Amino acid sequence: MDDLGWMGFLALGLIAFGGAVLGGLSGFGAGLIVTPFLVPVVGVKGVVPVMAIAMTFGNLSRAWVYRDQIRPDLILRVLLPTLPGVLAGGLIYDILPRTPLAVLIGLFLLASIPLRRWLDKRKVVPTPAAVIGISFLFGLVAGALPGGGVIVVPLLLGLGLAGGALVGTDAAIGAAVNIAKTLLYGRLDLLDETLLIGGVLVGLCMIPGAYAARWLIARIHLRIHTALIEAMVAFSGLSFLWSAFT
């Protein structure tokens, strides 16, 4: 990371900005797009802690943009079962060696595309048991892997959220989860000063992306945006598998 140079940091900044724009349009995708470009810089083992810091900034900026539409009652309802899942997922992330971790992240990213489509076709019934189970699963995945938002968004849709309320509430939940992940990774010695600085720099570049997304959200066809994100997520998954076997 110390040898990256200003051109490398500029490229990462632009990637972070672009990822934040795409993520701000739908509530998912930002971290999935940025993640593979960080691997050559921070390594497989450092990428999830760095993205936890970066996505804290990205989610806080999106939450601020949509602050007048956030549902605080739903945030608490989802977070209570999510945080124990984050703890369990973080412990799994800590014990996994580099190569199995890269394979697991790559397979999850590839699986997230059909998983999202399948979840979009199913209406999540927000019973108390469903909220607890899905929220815990979301926390477990988010604690160990990037891109857990693909699980929680259908739950929020089932709870009646849409548009800015969906994006803003999802962002507020994401910010809380990533703060918890950052604290957990620090306690597990997975986060040092260099990774902290890298996460902050990437996160700061994601903040203006939230505002650009709000401007674009009424000017881009949803199908084009979704296809673009899925292509980038597939690339991300393949890049992790490549890094695992080379």
Protein backbone atom coordinates (compact mmCIF):
# COMPACT_ATOMS: atom_id res chain seq x y z
CA MET A 1 0.00 0.00 0.00
CA ASP A 2 2.90 2.35 0.73
CA ASP A 3 4.17 1.75 -2.83
CA LEU A 4 0.87 2.45 -4.55
CA GLY A 5 1.68 6.03 -5.57
CA TRP A 6 -0.60 8.96 -6.20
CA MET A 7 -1.86 7.57 -9.54
CA GLY A 8 -2.92 4.37 -7.81
CA PHE A 9 -4.74 6.26 -5.06
CA LEU A 10 -6.43 8.42 -7.72
CA ALA A 11 -7.62 5.30 -9.54
CA LEU A 12 -8.95 3.78 -6.31
CA GLY A 13 -10.69 7.06 -5.51
CA LEU A 14 -12.44 7.09 -8.88
CA ILE A 15 -13.46 3.44 -8.45
CA ALA A 16 -14.80 4.19 -4.97
CA PHE A 17 -16.76 7.15 -6.32
CA GLY A 18 -18.23 5.07 -9.15
CA GLY A 19 -19.13 2.26 -6.79
CA ALA A 20 -20.88 4.70 -4.45
CA VAL A 21 -22.89 6.10 -7.36
CA LEU A 22 -24.08 2.65 -8.43
CA GLY A 23 -24.78 1.59 -4.86
CA GLY A 24 -26.69 4.78 -4.16
CA LEU A 25 -29.03 4.10 -7.05
CA SER A 26 -30.32 0.81 -5.64
CA GLY A 27 -29.02 0.33 -2.11
CA PHE A 28 -26.56 -2.42 -3.04
CA GLY A 29 -23.48 -2.94 -5.18
CA ALA A 30 -21.06 -0.25 -3.95
CA GLY A 31 -18.84 -2.48 -1.83
CA LEU A 32 -19.00 -5.36 -4.32
CA ILE A 33 -17.61 -3.20 -7.13
CA VAL A 34 -14.80 -1.59 -5.16
CA THR A 35 -13.65 -4.74 -3.33
CA PRO A 36 -11.63 -6.56 -6.07
CA PHE A 37 -9.63 -3.45 -6.90
CA LEU A 38 -8.44 -3.28 -3.30
CA VAL A 39 -7.08 -6.83 -3.20
CA PRO A 40 -3.77 -6.01 -4.97
CA VAL A 41 -3.32 -3.13 -2.53
CA VAL A 42 -4.28 -4.58 0.87
CA GLY A 43 -4.47 -8.34 0.19
CA VAL A 44 -7.39 -10.73 0.56
CA LYS A 45 -7.20 -10.74 4.35
CA GLY A 46 -7.23 -6.95 4.57
CA VAL A 47 -9.95 -6.18 2.05
CA VAL A 48 -13.02 -6.78 4.23
CA PRO A 49 -11.74 -4.65 7.17
CA VAL A 50 -10.81 -1.83 4.76
CA MET A 51 -14.22 -2.00 3.11
CA ALA A 52 -15.92 -1.99 6.53
CA ILE A 53 -14.35 1.43 7.18
CA ALA A 54 -14.98 2.70 3.67
CA MET A 55 -18.61 1.56 3.63
CA THR A 56 -19.18 3.28 6.96
CA PHE A 57 -18.51 6.57 5.18
CA GLY A 58 -20.46 5.50 2.11
CA ASN A 59 -23.50 4.40 4.11
CA LEU A 60 -23.46 7.46 6.38
CA SER A 61 -23.43 9.74 3.35
CA ARG A 62 -26.36 7.88 1.78
CA ALA A 63 -28.24 7.95 5.07
CA TRP A 64 -27.69 11.71 5.29
CA VAL A 65 -28.93 12.26 1.74
CA TYR A 66 -32.17 10.36 2.53
CA ARG A 67 -32.36 11.30 6.23
CA ASP A 68 -35.90 12.65 5.97
CA GLN A 69 -37.21 9.26 4.74
CA ILE A 70 -35.42 6.89 7.16
CA ARG A 71 -37.53 4.59 9.36
CA PRO A 72 -35.79 4.46 12.80
CA ASP A 73 -38.21 1.82 14.12
CA LEU A 74 -37.25 -0.63 11.39
CA ILE A 75 -33.54 0.05 11.92
CA LEU A 76 -33.75 -1.13 15.52
CA ARG A 77 -35.93 -4.09 14.60
CA VAL A 78 -33.39 -5.36 12.06
CA LEU A 79 -30.21 -4.47 13.96
CA LEU A 80 -30.98 -6.34 17.19
CA PRO A 81 -30.69 -9.81 15.59
CA THR A 82 -28.10 -8.63 13.03
CA LEU A 83 -25.29 -7.70 15.45
CA PRO A 84 -24.87 -11.20 16.97
CA GLY A 85 -24.59 -12.49 13.42
CA VAL A 86 -21.86 -9.92 12.70
CA LEU A 87 -19.90 -11.21 15.70
CA ALA A 88 -20.14 -14.82 14.51
CA GLY A 89 -19.23 -13.86 10.93
CA GLY A 90 -16.23 -11.82 12.09
CA LEU A 91 -14.88 -14.77 14.07
CA ILE A 92 -15.23 -17.00 10.98
CA TYR A 93 -13.38 -14.39 8.91
CA ASP A 94 -10.58 -14.30 11.46
CA ILE A 95 -9.84 -18.03 11.35
CA LEU A 96 -10.08 -18.59 7.58
CA PRO A 97 -6.72 -18.75 5.72
CA ARG A 98 -6.16 -16.54 2.68
CA THR A 99 -6.89 -19.02 -0.15
CA PRO A 100 -10.15 -20.51 1.23
CA LEU A 101 -11.24 -16.98 2.11
CA ALA A 102 -10.65 -15.76 -1.46
CA VAL A 103 -12.57 -18.75 -2.85
CA LEU A 104 -15.45 -18.18 -0.42
CA ILE A 105 -15.71 -14.48 -1.27
CA GLY A 106 -15.53 -15.18 -5.01
CA LEU A 107 -18.21 -17.88 -4.89
CA PHE A 108 -20.48 -15.70 -2.76
CA LEU A 109 -20.18 -12.77 -5.16
CA LEU A 110 -21.03 -14.98 -8.13
CA ALA A 111 -23.92 -16.57 -6.23
CA SER A 112 -25.25 -13.17 -5.18
CA ILE A 113 -26.48 -12.46 -8.74
CA PRO A 114 -28.96 -15.37 -9.03
CA LEU A 115 -29.68 -15.05 -5.29
CA ARG A 116 -30.76 -11.44 -5.71
CA ARG A 117 -32.97 -12.32 -8.69
CA TRP A 118 -34.55 -15.21 -6.76
CA LEU A 119 -35.19 -13.02 -3.73
CA ASP A 120 -36.69 -10.30 -5.93
CA LYS A 121 -39.31 -12.78 -7.18
CA ARG A 122 -40.28 -13.87 -3.67
CA LYS A 123 -42.24 -11.69 -1.33
CA VAL A 124 -40.65 -11.83 2.10
CA VAL A 125 -43.36 -12.18 4.75
CA PRO A 126 -42.13 -9.98 7.63
CA THR A 127 -43.23 -12.17 10.52
CA PRO A 128 -41.19 -11.71 13.73
CA ALA A 129 -39.45 -15.03 13.11
CA ALA A 130 -38.62 -14.08 9.51
CA VAL A 131 -37.20 -10.71 10.56
CA ILE A 132 -35.00 -12.33 13.22
CA GLY A 133 -33.80 -15.16 10.98
CA ILE A 134 -33.05 -13.06 7.90
CA SER A 135 -31.43 -10.30 9.96
CA PHE A 136 -29.14 -12.80 11.73
CA LEU A 137 -28.20 -14.36 8.38
CA PHE A 138 -27.48 -10.89 7.01
CA GLY A 139 -25.20 -10.17 9.97
CA LEU A 140 -23.41 -13.52 9.61
CA VAL A 141 -22.68 -12.91 5.92
CA ALA A 142 -21.80 -9.24 6.45
CA GLY A 143 -19.37 -10.12 9.24
CA ALA A 144 -17.38 -12.53 7.08
CA LEU A 145 -17.86 -11.34 3.49
CA PRO A 146 -18.49 -8.21 1.42
CA GLY A 147 -21.92 -7.68 -0.10
CA GLY A 148 -24.31 -8.84 2.61
CA GLY A 149 -26.80 -6.15 1.61
CA VAL A 150 -28.23 -8.42 -1.06
CA ILE A 151 -29.89 -10.36 1.78
CA VAL A 152 -31.37 -7.51 3.79
CA VAL A 153 -32.86 -5.47 0.92
CA PRO A 154 -35.67 -7.99 0.18
CA LEU A 155 -36.53 -7.97 3.89
CA LEU A 156 -36.84 -4.18 3.88
CA LEU A 157 -39.01 -4.37 0.77
CA GLY A 158 -41.23 -6.87 2.58
CA LEU A 159 -41.51 -4.43 5.47
CA GLY A 160 -43.04 -1.90 3.08
CA LEU A 161 -40.06 0.28 2.18
CA ALA A 162 -39.40 1.64 -1.30
CA GLY A 163 -37.50 4.44 -3.02
CA GLY A 164 -35.64 6.85 -0.79
CA ALA A 165 -36.99 5.22 2.37
CA LEU A 166 -35.51 1.89 1.28
CA VAL A 167 -32.11 3.34 0.34
CA GLY A 168 -31.89 5.55 3.43
CA THR A 169 -32.96 2.90 5.95
CA ASP A 170 -30.69 0.30 4.35
CA ALA A 171 -27.81 2.79 4.50
CA ALA A 172 -28.39 3.52 8.18
CA ILE A 173 -28.42 -0.22 8.96
CA GLY A 174 -25.31 -0.69 6.85
CA ALA A 175 -23.49 2.11 8.67
CA ALA A 176 -24.22 0.55 12.07
CA VAL A 177 -23.14 -2.90 10.85
CA ASN A 178 -19.88 -1.58 9.39
CA ILE A 179 -19.06 0.35 12.56
CA ALA A 180 -19.57 -2.88 14.52
CA LYS A 181 -17.36 -4.75 12.03
CA THR A 182 -14.61 -2.15 12.31
CA LEU A 183 -14.58 -2.38 16.11
CA LEU A 184 -14.62 -6.18 15.96
CA TYR A 185 -11.78 -6.39 13.43
CA GLY A 186 -9.75 -4.01 15.57
CA ARG A 187 -10.19 -6.30 18.57
CA LEU A 188 -9.18 -9.31 16.46
CA ASP A 189 -6.00 -7.54 15.22
CA LEU A 190 -7.25 -7.66 11.64
CA LEU A 191 -7.03 -3.89 11.31
CA ASP A 192 -3.82 -1.87 11.62
CA GLU A 193 -3.04 1.82 11.10
CA THR A 194 -2.25 1.43 7.39
CA LEU A 195 -5.51 -0.38 6.66
CA LEU A 196 -7.40 2.20 8.72
CA ILE A 197 -5.97 5.07 6.64
CA GLY A 198 -6.73 3.22 3.40
CA GLY A 199 -10.33 2.62 4.47
CA VAL A 200 -10.82 6.27 5.40
CA LEU A 201 -9.39 7.47 2.06
CA VAL A 202 -11.63 5.13 0.06
CA GLY A 203 -14.62 6.03 2.22
CA LEU A 204 -14.13 9.77 1.74
CA CYS A 205 -14.13 9.27 -2.03
CA MET A 206 -17.49 7.49 -1.74
CA ILE A 207 -19.26 10.43 -0.07
CA PRO A 208 -19.79 12.57 -3.21
CA GLY A 209 -21.02 9.45 -4.99
CA ALA A 210 -24.15 9.43 -2.81
CA TYR A 211 -25.07 12.90 -4.00
CA ALA A 212 -24.35 12.04 -7.63
CA ALA A 213 -26.58 8.96 -7.26
CA ARG A 214 -29.50 11.06 -6.05
CA TRP A 215 -29.18 13.25 -9.15
CA LEU A 216 -28.97 10.22 -11.44
CA ILE A 217 -31.69 8.14 -9.81
CA ALA A 218 -34.42 9.84 -11.86
CA ARG A 219 -32.35 9.88 -15.07
CA ILE A 220 -31.19 6.29 -15.63
CA HIS A 221 -33.20 3.23 -16.58
CA LEU A 222 -33.28 0.71 -13.74
CA ARG A 223 -32.66 -2.23 -16.06
CA ILE A 224 -29.45 -0.68 -17.42
CA HIS A 225 -28.23 0.04 -13.89
CA THR A 226 -29.00 -3.48 -12.69
CA ALA A 227 -27.24 -5.10 -15.65
CA LEU A 228 -24.17 -2.93 -15.07
CA ILE A 229 -23.99 -3.85 -11.39
CA GLU A 230 -24.42 -7.56 -12.09
CA ALA A 231 -21.61 -7.46 -14.67
CA MET A 232 -19.30 -5.76 -12.16
CA VAL A 233 -20.25 -8.19 -9.38
CA ALA A 234 -19.51 -11.15 -11.67
CA PHE A 235 -16.13 -9.61 -12.49
CA SER A 236 -15.49 -9.17 -8.77
CA GLY A 237 -16.26 -12.82 -8.03
CA LEU A 238 -14.05 -14.08 -10.85
CA SER A 239 -11.20 -11.83 -9.74
CA PHE A 240 -11.27 -13.34 -6.24
CA LEU A 241 -11.20 -16.87 -7.66
CA TRP A 242 -8.31 -15.86 -9.90
CA SER A 243 -6.38 -14.46 -6.96
CA ALA A 244 -6.99 -17.67 -5.00
CA PHE A 245 -5.56 -19.99 -7.63
CA THR A 246 -2.69 -17.86 -8.98
